Amino acid sequence: MKAWWLILCLLALPATAEVFTYVDAQGNRVYTDQPGSGSAKRVPIATSNRMSANPTGATPMIAAKKTEETPLFHYDMLRVLVPEPDATIRNSAGELIVSVTSEPGLQKGHRYRLLLDGQPTAEPGLSPVFPLTNIDRGSHNLSVEIIDELGRTVERTANQPFHMLRISLAQKRQVNPCTLADYGQRPECPLKDKPEEEKNPFLRFF
């Protein structure tokens, strides 16, 4: 038992220490860190498999802080001014001027974007006025949103309906008949349709 205790103590020595063994005069196996007599033999010791708490020797990595995104700005009010909700627009070319407003005013880096039936009508911009052309006859929905510099939607209005009536030239003439002075002046009164003026019957005698 004593010999095994000695072995454990010697194995606990640093890896650089040497261990020797020999058999003494009484026939006992002896382990020591001293070379001793010529019969002593060196005992090979396996390299320690203990790992360093910090094997790379580098300082612990500090996780990079996630860049905090700027919180969204809140507008007290955003709405479509023109046309009014459920308005009826009469225009033969399907043209419409849309005007929007916000409170407070547009912030730095923000842009207005108008949507017609859920689709953007143009790239976001600073102007609150949007000219639209060639809108199909029928009912449509308008909404406006504010986009920040990161492309995020800051505010958006609910859909606002309007109705486009595109009157034909013939219908315009029916509503407001052409007079002789209107031909060549109103689109629905072209010169080619101007009737010939009646000659004064009294001029035939001169």
Protein backbone atom coordinates (compact mmCIF):
# COMPACT_ATOMS: atom_id res chain seq x y z
CA MET A 1 0.00 0.00 0.00
CA LYS A 2 2.88 2.32 0.85
CA ALA A 3 4.41 1.69 -2.56
CA TRP A 4 1.20 2.68 -4.34
CA TRP A 5 0.91 5.87 -2.29
CA LEU A 6 4.45 6.74 -3.27
CA ILE A 7 3.63 6.10 -6.93
CA LEU A 8 0.63 8.49 -6.78
CA CYS A 9 2.74 11.17 -5.15
CA LEU A 10 5.45 10.84 -7.78
CA LEU A 11 2.91 10.96 -10.62
CA ALA A 12 1.62 14.22 -9.18
CA LEU A 13 5.04 15.79 -9.73
CA PRO A 14 5.44 18.26 -12.59
CA ALA A 15 5.82 16.73 -16.03
CA THR A 16 9.46 17.81 -16.13
CA ALA A 17 10.40 15.71 -12.99
CA GLU A 18 11.93 12.24 -13.56
CA VAL A 19 10.89 9.07 -11.72
CA PHE A 20 13.17 6.06 -11.21
CA THR A 21 12.48 2.54 -9.91
CA TYR A 22 14.59 -0.35 -8.65
CA VAL A 23 14.31 -3.47 -6.47
CA ASP A 24 16.00 -3.15 -3.07
CA ALA A 25 17.85 -5.90 -1.20
CA GLN A 26 14.62 -7.11 0.38
CA GLY A 27 13.00 -7.59 -3.05
CA ASN A 28 10.71 -4.56 -2.76
CA ARG A 29 9.99 -2.32 -5.72
CA VAL A 30 11.11 1.21 -4.89
CA TYR A 31 10.11 4.44 -6.72
CA THR A 32 12.10 7.60 -6.27
CA ASP A 33 12.98 10.88 -8.01
CA GLN A 34 16.68 10.21 -7.41
CA PRO A 35 18.70 8.14 -9.92
CA GLY A 36 20.12 6.07 -7.02
CA SER A 37 22.13 2.95 -7.93
CA GLY A 38 23.04 1.86 -11.40
CA SER A 39 20.18 -0.62 -11.43
CA ALA A 40 17.58 2.13 -11.16
CA LYS A 41 15.51 2.56 -14.29
CA ARG A 42 13.71 5.66 -15.45
CA VAL A 43 9.92 5.38 -15.44
CA PRO A 44 8.29 7.03 -18.46
CA ILE A 45 5.53 9.48 -17.46
CA ALA A 46 2.81 10.44 -19.91
CA THR A 47 2.40 14.09 -20.72
CA SER A 48 -0.32 15.74 -18.67
CA ASN A 49 -3.63 16.12 -20.51
CA ARG A 50 -4.79 19.06 -18.45
CA MET A 51 -5.90 22.05 -20.55
CA SER A 52 -5.30 25.65 -19.80
CA ALA A 53 -8.32 27.64 -18.73
CA ASN A 54 -7.49 29.98 -21.61
CA PRO A 55 -5.78 27.81 -24.27
CA THR A 56 -5.38 30.61 -26.80
CA GLY A 57 -3.87 32.97 -24.32
CA ALA A 58 -6.08 35.68 -25.79
CA THR A 59 -8.31 37.95 -23.80
CA PRO A 60 -11.97 36.92 -23.76
CA MET A 61 -13.95 38.25 -26.72
CA ILE A 62 -16.45 40.91 -25.89
CA ALA A 63 -19.68 40.56 -27.85
CA ALA A 64 -20.20 43.57 -30.04
CA LYS A 65 -23.15 45.61 -29.04
CA LYS A 66 -25.98 45.44 -31.50
CA THR A 67 -26.52 48.79 -33.07
CA GLU A 68 -29.72 50.12 -31.67
CA GLU A 69 -32.07 51.32 -34.35
CA THR A 70 -33.49 54.78 -34.01
CA PRO A 71 -37.05 54.48 -32.67
CA LEU A 72 -39.83 55.44 -35.06
CA PHE A 73 -41.02 59.03 -34.86
CA HIS A 74 -44.71 59.45 -34.09
CA TYR A 75 -46.84 61.93 -36.05
CA ASP A 76 -49.94 63.30 -34.37
CA MET A 77 -51.80 63.49 -37.68
CA LEU A 78 -51.45 62.33 -41.29
CA ARG A 79 -54.25 62.62 -43.84
CA VAL A 80 -55.26 63.15 -47.44
CA LEU A 81 -56.68 66.67 -47.83
CA VAL A 82 -57.75 66.54 -51.48
CA PRO A 83 -59.84 64.83 -52.68
CA GLU A 84 -62.26 64.52 -49.79
CA PRO A 85 -63.38 61.03 -48.75
CA ASP A 86 -65.82 59.42 -51.19
CA ALA A 87 -65.48 62.36 -53.60
CA THR A 88 -66.57 62.07 -57.23
CA ILE A 89 -64.08 63.42 -59.76
CA ARG A 90 -65.25 64.28 -63.28
CA ASN A 91 -62.38 64.50 -65.71
CA SER A 92 -62.24 63.18 -69.26
CA ALA A 93 -58.47 62.59 -69.04
CA GLY A 94 -58.64 60.89 -65.64
CA GLU A 95 -56.51 63.59 -64.04
CA LEU A 96 -56.42 64.30 -60.31
CA ILE A 97 -54.33 66.45 -57.95
CA VAL A 98 -53.85 64.83 -54.52
CA SER A 99 -52.77 66.91 -51.53
CA VAL A 100 -51.67 65.50 -48.15
CA THR A 101 -50.64 66.98 -44.81
CA SER A 102 -49.07 65.90 -41.52
CA GLU A 103 -48.73 67.30 -38.01
CA PRO A 104 -45.99 68.03 -37.14
CA GLY A 105 -44.45 68.69 -40.53
CA LEU A 106 -42.25 66.21 -42.32
CA GLN A 107 -39.17 65.41 -40.22
CA LYS A 108 -35.57 65.33 -41.48
CA GLY A 109 -34.90 62.23 -43.57
CA HIS A 110 -38.61 61.45 -43.96
CA ARG A 111 -40.54 61.31 -47.26
CA TYR A 112 -44.17 61.17 -48.36
CA ARG A 113 -45.34 58.28 -50.55
CA LEU A 114 -48.78 58.14 -52.14
CA LEU A 115 -50.50 54.84 -52.86
CA LEU A 116 -53.32 54.34 -55.36
CA ASP A 117 -55.20 51.09 -54.77
CA GLY A 118 -52.30 49.91 -52.60
CA GLN A 119 -49.57 50.62 -55.20
CA PRO A 120 -47.04 53.49 -54.97
CA THR A 121 -47.69 56.18 -57.57
CA ALA A 122 -44.08 57.44 -57.55
CA GLU A 123 -40.86 57.42 -55.53
CA PRO A 124 -41.10 58.92 -52.01
CA GLY A 125 -40.54 62.67 -51.98
CA LEU A 126 -40.75 65.86 -49.96
CA SER A 127 -43.71 67.36 -51.82
CA PRO A 128 -47.18 66.92 -50.27
CA VAL A 129 -48.79 67.38 -53.72
CA PHE A 130 -49.17 64.49 -56.17
CA PRO A 131 -50.47 64.99 -59.74
CA LEU A 132 -52.05 61.83 -61.14
CA THR A 133 -53.10 61.21 -64.74
CA ASN A 134 -55.02 58.64 -66.73
CA ILE A 135 -56.83 57.13 -63.77
CA ASP A 136 -59.33 54.53 -64.91
CA ARG A 137 -63.00 55.33 -64.49
CA GLY A 138 -64.56 53.74 -61.43
CA SER A 139 -63.94 53.62 -57.68
CA HIS A 140 -60.42 53.77 -56.24
CA ASN A 141 -58.63 54.05 -52.87
CA LEU A 142 -55.97 56.55 -51.84
CA SER A 143 -53.62 56.34 -48.88
CA VAL A 144 -50.41 58.14 -47.93
CA GLU A 145 -47.48 56.97 -45.83
CA ILE A 146 -44.34 58.51 -44.40
CA ILE A 147 -41.06 56.65 -44.99
CA ASP A 148 -37.91 57.25 -42.93
CA GLU A 149 -34.28 57.14 -44.10
CA LEU A 150 -34.11 53.39 -43.36
CA GLY A 151 -37.09 52.68 -45.62
CA ARG A 152 -39.39 51.95 -42.69
CA THR A 153 -43.03 53.03 -42.73
CA VAL A 154 -43.40 55.57 -39.93
CA GLU A 155 -47.09 56.40 -40.45
CA ARG A 156 -49.80 55.36 -42.90
CA THR A 157 -53.39 56.43 -43.38
CA ALA A 158 -56.36 54.17 -43.93
CA ASN A 159 -57.68 53.78 -47.47
CA GLN A 160 -59.76 56.76 -48.60
CA PRO A 161 -62.19 56.05 -51.47
CA PHE A 162 -62.97 58.31 -54.44
CA HIS A 163 -64.77 57.83 -57.73
CA MET A 164 -63.48 58.83 -61.17
CA LEU A 165 -65.95 59.74 -63.91
CA ARG A 166 -64.33 60.13 -67.30
CA ILE A 167 -66.82 61.93 -69.54
CA SER A 168 -66.48 61.41 -73.29
CA LEU A 169 -66.44 64.36 -75.68
CA ALA A 170 -69.85 63.38 -76.97
CA GLN A 171 -71.22 63.39 -73.42
CA LYS A 172 -69.70 66.81 -72.83
CA ARG A 173 -71.42 68.18 -75.91
CA GLN A 174 -74.70 66.76 -74.67
CA VAL A 175 -74.28 68.37 -71.25
CA ASN A 176 -73.03 71.67 -72.64
CA PRO A 177 -73.83 72.05 -76.35
CA CYS A 178 -71.31 73.82 -78.55
CA THR A 179 -72.00 77.30 -79.80
CA LEU A 180 -70.38 78.78 -82.90
CA ALA A 181 -67.85 80.58 -80.71
CA ASP A 182 -66.88 77.32 -78.96
CA TYR A 183 -65.60 75.53 -82.05
CA GLY A 184 -61.84 75.41 -82.00
CA GLN A 185 -61.85 76.56 -78.38
CA ARG A 186 -63.22 73.52 -76.50
CA PRO A 187 -61.82 70.00 -77.06
CA GLU A 188 -65.31 68.63 -77.53
CA CYS A 189 -66.01 71.30 -80.17
CA PRO A 190 -63.42 70.76 -82.93
CA LEU A 191 -63.39 73.06 -85.95
CA LYS A 192 -64.15 70.17 -88.31
CA ASP A 193 -67.56 69.82 -86.67
CA LYS A 194 -68.38 73.50 -86.93
CA PRO A 195 -71.56 73.93 -89.03
CA GLU A 196 -71.56 76.30 -91.97
CA GLU A 197 -72.88 79.71 -91.18
CA GLU A 198 -76.12 80.61 -92.90
CA LYS A 199 -75.69 83.36 -95.46
CA ASN A 200 -77.75 86.52 -95.03
CA PRO A 201 -80.54 86.29 -97.68
CA PHE A 202 -80.51 90.07 -98.16
CA LEU A 203 -76.88 89.93 -99.45
CA ARG A 204 -78.08 88.22 -102.66
CA PHE A 205 -79.65 91.45 -103.87
CA PHE A 206 -76.36 93.38 -103.71
